[in-house]
Structure formats: C-alpha cells, structure tokens
Amino acid sequence: MPESFATVDLLYAAQNGDRQAAEKLLREIYPSIFSLALRLLAFNRPAAEDVAQETCIHIVKALPKYRRDASFKTWSTRIAMNCARDYWRSNRKYAQQAPLDEDLSAPRTKTGEDLAFQRQIWKEIGLLPEKLREVCILLWAEGYTQAEAARIMDCAEKTIEWRVHDIKKRLREKLKGEL
C-alpha cells in the first residue's frame, strides 16, 4: 500500500533533521513495533518494551539512509525484527519459552478447548527455528501477506511459501491426532 502524502512529508522532514517529524513518525509506528516485539518475544512485556525502544533508536539513526525502496512500515518492521532477534539471541532463556495465549488479535468467543488448542499451536510455533517462527508471526499474528513478509525478511516470496509448507508439515507432525 502506498504511503500517504502526510507520511512522505514527515519522512522527508525527518530525514532532513526535523526532530518533531521524527517523533511523530515514531508515535505512529510504535504500536505496531511493540505488538510485533511482544509476539516475537513470547509476550514478555518488559522485553518487548526494550526491543521497541531499541527499534526506535535504530530507526532514528538509520533514517538518513532510508531509500524508500520499501514502505516505511515494512522498513521499520524489518528493523524491529532485527532488534528482536538480537535480544532473543542475547537472552537465550526466551528461546525455550512458548508464547502465552495473550494474542490480542484472537476473537474472544472461542471455547476453552479452542483456546487450549490455539495455545498448544503457539507453544509449538515458539519452539520452531527462528526464521520459521518469524514467518508465523508475520503472517498469522500480524496479518502480513506472503509478499510483504518476503520484503520484511529480505527473501524471495517463494522462500516464504516454502517456509509455510515446512511450518505446516512440522506442526502436523507435532500435533498429529489433534489437527
């Protein structure tokens, strides 16, 4: 989706040193950055806050180099994912934690059995290798298309398709009898 004229104007101003424009851009993008970090870090709020703040710092530092070959949101999401990866790697204790069932996008009308099954799926997703876990979060938690996820992860769309196939295969094996 093309960016609005207001966003383009803010980007141009921020790239030319306008601090208020940069602050406004960050205020607009922060909720999605925090939400992504929260999901990537197994719903650990303090860790997600740290990653979201670190992402904002990286965005401001990298803003002069932003070339507009991706939307600002896609570019910011890529930075957030890199910051979350760095945090995850430096704090290995989260690597074995499964995400809690605090998924804010999930409808609240599910039965207890549905929620337990969803919790089990997200637990298994939390144990997947990093690249596969990130695809799950981008597609199924954040709602990106495969093409958008490919741009964010800086890979081919076919790679995302293959990863989705691999994810489904792994989940079927882990949850056989429950699917």
N, C-alpha and C. Protein backbone atom coordinates (compact mmCIF):
# COMPACT_ATOMS: atom_id res chain seq x y z
N MET A 1 0.84 -1.17 0.00
CA MET A 1 0.00 0.00 0.00
C MET A 1 0.89 1.24 0.00
N PRO A 2 0.63 2.18 -0.92
CA PRO A 2 1.46 3.39 -0.96
C PRO A 2 1.27 4.22 0.31
N GLU A 3 2.32 4.94 0.64
CA GLU A 3 2.25 5.75 1.85
C GLU A 3 1.50 7.04 1.57
N SER A 4 0.88 7.55 2.60
CA SER A 4 0.13 8.80 2.45
C SER A 4 1.09 9.96 2.21
N PHE A 5 0.54 11.02 1.65
CA PHE A 5 1.37 12.22 1.43
C PHE A 5 1.89 12.76 2.76
N ALA A 6 1.07 12.66 3.81
CA ALA A 6 1.49 13.15 5.13
C ALA A 6 2.71 12.36 5.62
N THR A 7 2.68 11.03 5.43
CA THR A 7 3.81 10.20 5.86
C THR A 7 5.05 10.53 5.05
N VAL A 8 4.88 10.70 3.74
CA VAL A 8 6.02 11.05 2.88
C VAL A 8 6.60 12.39 3.30
N ASP A 9 5.74 13.35 3.58
CA ASP A 9 6.21 14.66 4.05
C ASP A 9 6.97 14.54 5.37
N LEU A 10 6.42 13.74 6.31
CA LEU A 10 7.08 13.53 7.59
C LEU A 10 8.44 12.85 7.39
N LEU A 11 8.47 11.86 6.52
CA LEU A 11 9.74 11.16 6.25
C LEU A 11 10.79 12.12 5.70
N TYR A 12 10.38 12.93 4.74
CA TYR A 12 11.31 13.89 4.14
C TYR A 12 11.83 14.86 5.20
N ALA A 13 10.91 15.39 6.01
CA ALA A 13 11.31 16.33 7.07
C ALA A 13 12.22 15.66 8.09
N ALA A 14 11.87 14.43 8.50
CA ALA A 14 12.68 13.72 9.50
C ALA A 14 14.07 13.40 8.95
N GLN A 15 14.13 13.04 7.67
CA GLN A 15 15.43 12.75 7.06
C GLN A 15 16.31 13.99 6.97
N ASN A 16 15.67 15.14 6.99
CA ASN A 16 16.42 16.40 6.93
C ASN A 16 16.58 17.04 8.30
N GLY A 17 16.44 16.23 9.36
CA GLY A 17 16.76 16.70 10.71
C GLY A 17 15.63 17.27 11.52
N ASP A 18 14.40 17.22 11.06
CA ASP A 18 13.26 17.75 11.82
C ASP A 18 12.90 16.74 12.91
N ARG A 19 13.24 17.08 14.15
CA ARG A 19 13.01 16.17 15.28
C ARG A 19 11.54 15.93 15.54
N GLN A 20 10.71 16.97 15.37
CA GLN A 20 9.28 16.79 15.61
C GLN A 20 8.68 15.82 14.59
N ALA A 21 9.13 15.88 13.36
CA ALA A 21 8.64 14.95 12.33
C ALA A 21 9.06 13.52 12.68
N ALA A 22 10.29 13.35 13.14
CA ALA A 22 10.77 12.02 13.53
C ALA A 22 9.95 11.49 14.71
N GLU A 23 9.68 12.35 15.68
CA GLU A 23 8.88 11.93 16.84
C GLU A 23 7.48 11.52 16.41
N LYS A 24 6.89 12.27 15.50
CA LYS A 24 5.54 11.95 15.02
C LYS A 24 5.54 10.61 14.28
N LEU A 25 6.54 10.37 13.44
CA LEU A 25 6.66 9.08 12.75
C LEU A 25 6.75 7.93 13.76
N LEU A 26 7.57 8.12 14.78
CA LEU A 26 7.75 7.08 15.79
C LEU A 26 6.47 6.84 16.58
N ARG A 27 5.75 7.90 16.91
CA ARG A 27 4.47 7.74 17.62
C ARG A 27 3.47 6.95 16.77
N GLU A 28 3.49 7.17 15.47
CA GLU A 28 2.57 6.46 14.58
C GLU A 28 2.94 4.98 14.44
N ILE A 29 4.21 4.68 14.39
CA ILE A 29 4.66 3.31 14.13
C ILE A 29 4.85 2.50 15.41
N TYR A 30 4.99 3.16 16.56
CA TYR A 30 5.31 2.47 17.80
C TYR A 30 4.33 1.34 18.16
N PRO A 31 3.01 1.55 18.08
CA PRO A 31 2.11 0.45 18.46
C PRO A 31 2.34 -0.83 17.66
N SER A 32 2.60 -0.72 16.37
CA SER A 32 2.82 -1.94 15.59
C SER A 32 4.19 -2.54 15.91
N ILE A 33 5.18 -1.71 16.19
CA ILE A 33 6.50 -2.22 16.57
C ILE A 33 6.41 -2.97 17.90
N PHE A 34 5.72 -2.38 18.85
CA PHE A 34 5.58 -3.01 20.17
C PHE A 34 4.81 -4.33 20.06
N SER A 35 3.73 -4.33 19.28
CA SER A 35 2.93 -5.54 19.10
C SER A 35 3.77 -6.66 18.50
N LEU A 36 4.55 -6.34 17.48
CA LEU A 36 5.41 -7.32 16.85
C LEU A 36 6.45 -7.84 17.84
N ALA A 37 7.09 -6.94 18.56
CA ALA A 37 8.10 -7.33 19.55
C ALA A 37 7.48 -8.22 20.63
N LEU A 38 6.28 -7.89 21.05
CA LEU A 38 5.58 -8.68 22.07
C LEU A 38 5.39 -10.11 21.60
N ARG A 39 4.99 -10.27 20.36
CA ARG A 39 4.78 -11.62 19.81
C ARG A 39 6.10 -12.35 19.60
N LEU A 40 7.09 -11.65 19.09
CA LEU A 40 8.38 -12.28 18.83
C LEU A 40 9.09 -12.71 20.11
N LEU A 41 8.78 -12.05 21.21
CA LEU A 41 9.47 -12.33 22.48
C LEU A 41 8.55 -13.02 23.48
N ALA A 42 7.68 -13.88 22.97
CA ALA A 42 6.85 -14.74 23.81
C ALA A 42 6.01 -13.95 24.81
N PHE A 43 5.51 -12.82 24.39
CA PHE A 43 4.63 -11.97 25.19
C PHE A 43 5.27 -11.51 26.51
N ASN A 44 6.56 -11.33 26.48
CA ASN A 44 7.28 -10.79 27.63
C ASN A 44 7.27 -9.27 27.47
N ARG A 45 6.40 -8.59 28.22
CA ARG A 45 6.22 -7.15 28.06
C ARG A 45 7.49 -6.33 28.30
N PRO A 46 8.21 -6.57 29.39
CA PRO A 46 9.44 -5.77 29.57
C PRO A 46 10.43 -5.94 28.42
N ALA A 47 10.58 -7.17 27.94
CA ALA A 47 11.49 -7.41 26.82
C ALA A 47 10.98 -6.70 25.57
N ALA A 48 9.67 -6.77 25.33
CA ALA A 48 9.09 -6.11 24.15
C ALA A 48 9.26 -4.60 24.23
N GLU A 49 9.12 -4.03 25.42
CA GLU A 49 9.32 -2.59 25.58
C GLU A 49 10.77 -2.22 25.27
N ASP A 50 11.71 -3.04 25.77
CA ASP A 50 13.13 -2.79 25.48
C ASP A 50 13.39 -2.84 23.98
N VAL A 51 12.85 -3.86 23.33
CA VAL A 51 13.07 -4.02 21.89
C VAL A 51 12.41 -2.89 21.11
N ALA A 52 11.21 -2.50 21.50
CA ALA A 52 10.52 -1.41 20.80
C ALA A 52 11.32 -0.11 20.94
N GLN A 53 11.85 0.16 22.13
CA GLN A 53 12.65 1.37 22.33
C GLN A 53 13.95 1.29 21.52
N GLU A 54 14.58 0.12 21.53
CA GLU A 54 15.81 -0.07 20.76
C GLU A 54 15.52 0.11 19.26
N THR A 55 14.39 -0.38 18.82
CA THR A 55 13.98 -0.22 17.43
C THR A 55 13.84 1.25 17.08
N CYS A 56 13.21 2.01 17.95
CA CYS A 56 13.03 3.45 17.70
C CYS A 56 14.39 4.15 17.57
N ILE A 57 15.32 3.78 18.41
CA ILE A 57 16.67 4.36 18.35
C ILE A 57 17.31 4.01 17.00
N HIS A 58 17.19 2.74 16.59
CA HIS A 58 17.76 2.32 15.31
C HIS A 58 17.09 3.03 14.14
N ILE A 59 15.79 3.21 14.21
CA ILE A 59 15.06 3.90 13.14
C ILE A 59 15.58 5.33 12.99
N VAL A 60 15.69 6.04 14.10
CA VAL A 60 16.16 7.43 14.05
C VAL A 60 17.58 7.50 13.48
N LYS A 61 18.45 6.59 13.93
CA LYS A 61 19.82 6.59 13.43
C LYS A 61 19.90 6.25 11.94
N ALA A 62 19.01 5.34 11.49
CA ALA A 62 19.06 4.89 10.10
C ALA A 62 18.22 5.74 9.15
N LEU A 63 17.41 6.63 9.69
CA LEU A 63 16.50 7.43 8.86
C LEU A 63 17.19 8.15 7.70
N PRO A 64 18.36 8.74 7.91
CA PRO A 64 19.02 9.40 6.78
C PRO A 64 19.35 8.45 5.63
N LYS A 65 19.49 7.15 5.93
CA LYS A 65 19.82 6.17 4.89
C LYS A 65 18.59 5.52 4.26
N TYR A 66 17.41 5.82 4.79
CA TYR A 66 16.18 5.20 4.26
C TYR A 66 15.98 5.64 2.82
N ARG A 67 15.87 4.64 1.90
CA ARG A 67 15.83 4.93 0.46
C ARG A 67 14.43 4.82 -0.15
N ARG A 68 13.46 4.47 0.63
CA ARG A 68 12.08 4.34 0.15
C ARG A 68 11.89 3.21 -0.87
N ASP A 69 12.76 2.20 -0.87
CA ASP A 69 12.53 1.05 -1.75
C ASP A 69 11.55 0.07 -1.12
N ALA A 70 11.16 0.32 0.11
CA ALA A 70 10.08 -0.40 0.80
C ALA A 70 9.30 0.67 1.56
N SER A 71 8.08 0.35 1.93
CA SER A 71 7.31 1.33 2.70
C SER A 71 7.99 1.57 4.05
N PHE A 72 7.69 2.68 4.67
CA PHE A 72 8.28 2.99 5.97
C PHE A 72 7.90 1.91 6.98
N LYS A 73 6.64 1.43 6.92
CA LYS A 73 6.21 0.39 7.86
C LYS A 73 7.00 -0.90 7.64
N THR A 74 7.18 -1.30 6.40
CA THR A 74 7.94 -2.51 6.09
C THR A 74 9.38 -2.36 6.56
N TRP A 75 9.97 -1.23 6.27
CA TRP A 75 11.35 -0.94 6.67
C TRP A 75 11.47 -0.96 8.20
N SER A 76 10.54 -0.33 8.88
CA SER A 76 10.54 -0.29 10.36
C SER A 76 10.34 -1.68 10.95
N THR A 77 9.48 -2.47 10.32
CA THR A 77 9.24 -3.83 10.79
C THR A 77 10.50 -4.67 10.66
N ARG A 78 11.23 -4.49 9.57
CA ARG A 78 12.49 -5.21 9.39
C ARG A 78 13.48 -4.84 10.50
N ILE A 79 13.56 -3.58 10.83
CA ILE A 79 14.44 -3.14 11.92
C ILE A 79 14.00 -3.75 13.24
N ALA A 80 12.69 -3.75 13.49
CA ALA A 80 12.16 -4.32 14.74
C ALA A 80 12.48 -5.81 14.83
N MET A 81 12.35 -6.51 13.72
CA MET A 81 12.66 -7.94 13.73
C MET A 81 14.14 -8.17 14.02
N ASN A 82 15.00 -7.36 13.44
CA ASN A 82 16.44 -7.49 13.72
C ASN A 82 16.74 -7.22 15.19
N CYS A 83 16.11 -6.20 15.75
CA CYS A 83 16.32 -5.89 17.17
C CYS A 83 15.80 -7.03 18.05
N ALA A 84 14.65 -7.60 17.69
CA ALA A 84 14.10 -8.71 18.46
C ALA A 84 15.01 -9.94 18.36
N ARG A 85 15.55 -10.20 17.17
CA ARG A 85 16.49 -11.32 17.00
C ARG A 85 17.71 -11.12 17.90
N ASP A 86 18.26 -9.92 17.88
CA ASP A 86 19.43 -9.63 18.72
C ASP A 86 19.10 -9.85 20.20
N TYR A 87 17.93 -9.38 20.61
CA TYR A 87 17.52 -9.54 22.01
C TYR A 87 17.35 -11.02 22.33
N TRP A 88 16.66 -11.73 21.44
CA TRP A 88 16.40 -13.17 21.64
C TRP A 88 17.71 -13.93 21.78
N ARG A 89 18.66 -13.63 20.91
CA ARG A 89 19.95 -14.33 20.92
C ARG A 89 20.76 -14.02 22.18
N SER A 90 20.66 -12.79 22.65
CA SER A 90 21.45 -12.42 23.83
C SER A 90 20.76 -12.81 25.13
N ASN A 91 19.53 -13.23 25.05
CA ASN A 91 18.76 -13.65 26.23
C ASN A 91 18.15 -15.02 25.93
N ARG A 92 18.98 -16.03 25.83
CA ARG A 92 18.57 -17.36 25.40
C ARG A 92 17.44 -17.97 26.24
N LYS A 93 17.21 -17.47 27.44
CA LYS A 93 16.16 -18.07 28.27
C LYS A 93 14.80 -17.97 27.59
N TYR A 94 14.62 -17.00 26.68
CA TYR A 94 13.34 -16.88 25.99
C TYR A 94 13.21 -17.90 24.87
N ALA A 95 14.30 -18.48 24.45
CA ALA A 95 14.27 -19.41 23.32
C ALA A 95 13.42 -20.63 23.61
N GLN A 96 13.32 -21.03 24.86
CA GLN A 96 12.52 -22.20 25.19
C GLN A 96 11.14 -21.85 25.74
N GLN A 97 10.85 -20.57 25.87
CA GLN A 97 9.53 -20.17 26.33
C GLN A 97 8.56 -20.16 25.17
N ALA A 98 7.38 -20.63 25.38
CA ALA A 98 6.35 -20.56 24.35
C ALA A 98 5.53 -19.30 24.59
N PRO A 99 5.02 -18.70 23.52
CA PRO A 99 4.16 -17.54 23.70
C PRO A 99 2.94 -17.87 24.53
N LEU A 100 2.53 -16.95 25.36
CA LEU A 100 1.32 -17.12 26.15
C LEU A 100 0.11 -16.91 25.26
N ASP A 101 -1.05 -17.25 25.75
CA ASP A 101 -2.21 -17.09 24.89
C ASP A 101 -2.83 -15.72 25.11
N GLU A 102 -2.01 -14.70 25.03
CA GLU A 102 -2.46 -13.32 25.18
C GLU A 102 -2.58 -12.66 23.82
N ASP A 103 -2.90 -13.43 22.81
CA ASP A 103 -2.99 -12.93 21.44
C ASP A 103 -4.13 -11.93 21.33
N LEU A 104 -3.78 -10.66 21.18
CA LEU A 104 -4.79 -9.60 21.18
C LEU A 104 -5.65 -9.62 19.93
N SER A 105 -5.21 -10.29 18.87
CA SER A 105 -5.99 -10.32 17.65
C SER A 105 -6.98 -11.48 17.64
N ALA A 106 -6.89 -12.38 18.60
CA ALA A 106 -7.76 -13.55 18.62
C ALA A 106 -9.15 -13.16 19.10
N PRO A 107 -10.18 -13.68 18.44
CA PRO A 107 -11.54 -13.42 18.91
C PRO A 107 -11.76 -14.01 20.30
N ARG A 108 -12.52 -13.34 21.11
CA ARG A 108 -12.73 -13.76 22.49
C ARG A 108 -13.91 -14.73 22.64
N THR A 109 -14.49 -15.20 21.55
CA THR A 109 -15.66 -16.07 21.63
C THR A 109 -15.29 -17.54 21.51
N LYS A 110 -14.04 -17.88 21.57
CA LYS A 110 -13.61 -19.27 21.43
C LYS A 110 -13.92 -20.06 22.70
N THR A 111 -14.15 -21.36 22.50
CA THR A 111 -14.38 -22.23 23.64
C THR A 111 -13.06 -22.49 24.34
N GLY A 112 -13.14 -23.04 25.53
CA GLY A 112 -11.93 -23.38 26.27
C GLY A 112 -11.07 -24.37 25.52
N GLU A 113 -11.73 -25.32 24.83
CA GLU A 113 -10.99 -26.31 24.04
C GLU A 113 -10.27 -25.65 22.87
N ASP A 114 -10.94 -24.69 22.21
CA ASP A 114 -10.30 -23.96 21.10
C ASP A 114 -9.10 -23.18 21.60
N LEU A 115 -9.25 -22.52 22.74
CA LEU A 115 -8.14 -21.73 23.28
C LEU A 115 -6.98 -22.62 23.69
N ALA A 116 -7.29 -23.78 24.27
CA ALA A 116 -6.23 -24.71 24.66
C ALA A 116 -5.48 -25.21 23.43
N PHE A 117 -6.22 -25.50 22.36
CA PHE A 117 -5.58 -25.95 21.12
C PHE A 117 -4.74 -24.84 20.51
N GLN A 118 -5.28 -23.61 20.51
CA GLN A 118 -4.52 -22.47 19.99
C GLN A 118 -3.24 -22.26 20.82
N ARG A 119 -3.35 -22.40 22.12
CA ARG A 119 -2.19 -22.27 23.00
C ARG A 119 -1.14 -23.34 22.65
N GLN A 120 -1.61 -24.56 22.39
CA GLN A 120 -0.69 -25.65 22.02
C GLN A 120 0.01 -25.34 20.69
N ILE A 121 -0.74 -24.83 19.72
CA ILE A 121 -0.14 -24.48 18.42
C ILE A 121 0.92 -23.40 18.61
N TRP A 122 0.59 -22.34 19.37
CA TRP A 122 1.56 -21.26 19.57
C TRP A 122 2.76 -21.74 20.39
N LYS A 123 2.54 -22.72 21.28
CA LYS A 123 3.67 -23.29 22.02
C LYS A 123 4.61 -23.96 21.04
N GLU A 124 4.06 -24.74 20.11
CA GLU A 124 4.89 -25.42 19.11
C GLU A 124 5.55 -24.40 18.18
N ILE A 125 4.83 -23.35 17.82
CA ILE A 125 5.42 -22.29 16.98
C ILE A 125 6.59 -21.65 17.71
N GLY A 126 6.44 -21.45 19.01
CA GLY A 126 7.51 -20.85 19.82
C GLY A 126 8.77 -21.69 19.85
N LEU A 127 8.65 -22.97 19.55
CA LEU A 127 9.81 -23.87 19.56
C LEU A 127 10.42 -24.06 18.17
N LEU A 128 9.80 -23.48 17.16
CA LEU A 128 10.33 -23.59 15.79
C LEU A 128 11.63 -22.79 15.66
N PRO A 129 12.44 -23.13 14.66
CA PRO A 129 13.62 -22.30 14.39
C PRO A 129 13.20 -20.85 14.11
N GLU A 130 14.10 -19.96 14.40
CA GLU A 130 13.83 -18.51 14.34
C GLU A 130 13.14 -18.06 13.06
N LYS A 131 13.67 -18.41 11.91
CA LYS A 131 13.10 -17.94 10.63
C LYS A 131 11.67 -18.43 10.44
N LEU A 132 11.40 -19.66 10.84
CA LEU A 132 10.04 -20.20 10.70
C LEU A 132 9.09 -19.52 11.69
N ARG A 133 9.55 -19.32 12.91
CA ARG A 133 8.74 -18.64 13.93
C ARG A 133 8.39 -17.23 13.46
N GLU A 134 9.34 -16.54 12.86
CA GLU A 134 9.10 -15.17 12.38
C GLU A 134 8.07 -15.15 11.26
N VAL A 135 8.11 -16.14 10.37
CA VAL A 135 7.11 -16.22 9.30
C VAL A 135 5.71 -16.38 9.91
N CYS A 136 5.58 -17.27 10.89
CA CYS A 136 4.29 -17.47 11.57
C CYS A 136 3.77 -16.17 12.15
N ILE A 137 4.62 -15.46 12.81
CA ILE A 137 4.19 -14.22 13.48
C ILE A 137 3.80 -13.18 12.45
N LEU A 138 4.60 -13.01 11.42
CA LEU A 138 4.28 -12.01 10.39
C LEU A 138 2.97 -12.34 9.68
N LEU A 139 2.78 -13.59 9.30
CA LEU A 139 1.60 -13.97 8.53
C LEU A 139 0.36 -14.11 9.39
N TRP A 140 0.46 -14.87 10.47
CA TRP A 140 -0.74 -15.26 11.19
C TRP A 140 -1.04 -14.41 12.41
N ALA A 141 -0.07 -13.73 12.96
CA ALA A 141 -0.33 -12.85 14.09
C ALA A 141 -0.42 -11.39 13.66
N GLU A 142 0.47 -10.98 12.76
CA GLU A 142 0.49 -9.58 12.33
C GLU A 142 -0.34 -9.32 11.07
N GLY A 143 -0.69 -10.37 10.34
CA GLY A 143 -1.57 -10.23 9.19
C GLY A 143 -0.91 -9.76 7.89
N TYR A 144 0.40 -9.89 7.78
CA TYR A 144 1.07 -9.51 6.54
C TYR A 144 0.79 -10.57 5.48
N THR A 145 0.86 -10.17 4.21
CA THR A 145 0.77 -11.13 3.11
C THR A 145 2.13 -11.81 2.97
N GLN A 146 2.17 -12.87 2.16
CA GLN A 146 3.45 -13.53 1.93
C GLN A 146 4.43 -12.60 1.22
N ALA A 147 3.91 -11.79 0.29
CA ALA A 147 4.79 -10.84 -0.41
C ALA A 147 5.37 -9.82 0.56
N GLU A 148 4.54 -9.31 1.48
CA GLU A 148 5.03 -8.33 2.47
C GLU A 148 6.04 -8.98 3.41
N ALA A 149 5.74 -10.20 3.84
CA ALA A 149 6.68 -10.91 4.73
C ALA A 149 8.01 -11.13 4.03
N ALA A 150 7.98 -11.43 2.74
CA ALA A 150 9.22 -11.63 1.99
C ALA A 150 10.04 -10.34 1.96
N ARG A 151 9.37 -9.20 1.76
CA ARG A 151 10.10 -7.92 1.75
C ARG A 151 10.69 -7.63 3.13
N ILE A 152 9.91 -7.89 4.18
CA ILE A 152 10.39 -7.64 5.54
C ILE A 152 11.58 -8.52 5.87
N MET A 153 11.49 -9.79 5.47
CA MET A 153 12.55 -10.74 5.80
C MET A 153 13.67 -10.75 4.76
N ASP A 154 13.53 -9.90 3.75
CA ASP A 154 14.54 -9.75 2.71
C ASP A 154 14.87 -11.09 2.04
N CYS A 155 13.79 -11.74 1.56
CA CYS A 155 13.97 -13.00 0.85
C CYS A 155 12.91 -13.09 -0.25
N ALA A 156 12.98 -14.12 -1.05
CA ALA A 156 12.02 -14.30 -2.13
C ALA A 156 10.67 -14.77 -1.57
N GLU A 157 9.61 -14.41 -2.27
CA GLU A 157 8.27 -14.84 -1.86
C GLU A 157 8.18 -16.37 -1.86
N LYS A 158 8.86 -17.02 -2.80
CA LYS A 158 8.88 -18.50 -2.85
C LYS A 158 9.51 -19.07 -1.58
N THR A 159 10.47 -18.36 -1.01
CA THR A 159 11.09 -18.81 0.24
C THR A 159 10.04 -18.80 1.36
N ILE A 160 9.21 -17.76 1.40
CA ILE A 160 8.14 -17.69 2.40
C ILE A 160 7.16 -18.84 2.18
N GLU A 161 6.80 -19.08 0.92
CA GLU A 161 5.88 -20.19 0.60
C GLU A 161 6.46 -21.52 1.08
N TRP A 162 7.74 -21.74 0.83
CA TRP A 162 8.39 -22.97 1.27
C TRP A 162 8.38 -23.06 2.79
N ARG A 163 8.67 -21.95 3.46
CA ARG A 163 8.67 -21.95 4.93
C ARG A 163 7.29 -22.26 5.48
N VAL A 164 6.24 -21.71 4.85
CA VAL A 164 4.86 -22.00 5.29
C VAL A 164 4.60 -23.50 5.15
N HIS A 165 5.01 -24.07 4.03
CA HIS A 165 4.84 -25.51 3.82
C HIS A 165 5.58 -26.28 4.92
N ASP A 166 6.81 -25.88 5.20
CA ASP A 166 7.62 -26.54 6.23
C ASP A 166 6.98 -26.40 7.61
N ILE A 167 6.47 -25.22 7.90
CA ILE A 167 5.81 -24.97 9.20
C ILE A 167 4.62 -25.90 9.36
N LYS A 168 3.78 -25.96 8.34
CA LYS A 168 2.57 -26.80 8.41
C LYS A 168 2.94 -28.26 8.58
N LYS A 169 3.97 -28.70 7.87
CA LYS A 169 4.42 -30.08 7.98
C LYS A 169 4.90 -30.36 9.40
N ARG A 170 5.72 -29.47 9.94
CA ARG A 170 6.24 -29.66 11.31
C ARG A 170 5.11 -29.66 12.34
N LEU A 171 4.16 -28.73 12.17
CA LEU A 171 3.05 -28.66 13.12
C LEU A 171 2.17 -29.91 13.03
N ARG A 172 1.94 -30.40 11.81
CA ARG A 172 1.15 -31.64 11.65
C ARG A 172 1.82 -32.79 12.40
N GLU A 173 3.15 -32.88 12.26
CA GLU A 173 3.89 -33.96 12.94
C GLU A 173 3.80 -33.82 14.45
N LYS A 174 3.97 -32.61 14.94
CA LYS A 174 3.93 -32.39 16.41
C LYS A 174 2.53 -32.56 16.99
N LEU A 175 1.54 -32.17 16.21
CA LEU A 175 0.16 -32.16 16.73
C LEU A 175 -0.69 -33.25 16.10
N LYS A 176 -0.05 -34.30 15.58
CA LYS A 176 -0.83 -35.34 14.90
C LYS A 176 -1.91 -35.89 15.84
N GLY A 177 -3.05 -36.08 15.25
CA GLY A 177 -4.19 -36.54 16.05
C GLY A 177 -5.01 -35.40 16.59
N GLU A 178 -4.42 -34.20 16.64
CA GLU A 178 -5.16 -33.04 17.15
C GLU A 178 -5.63 -32.14 16.05
N LEU A 179 -5.05 -32.27 14.84
CA LEU A 179 -5.44 -31.43 13.71
C LEU A 179 -6.59 -32.03 12.94
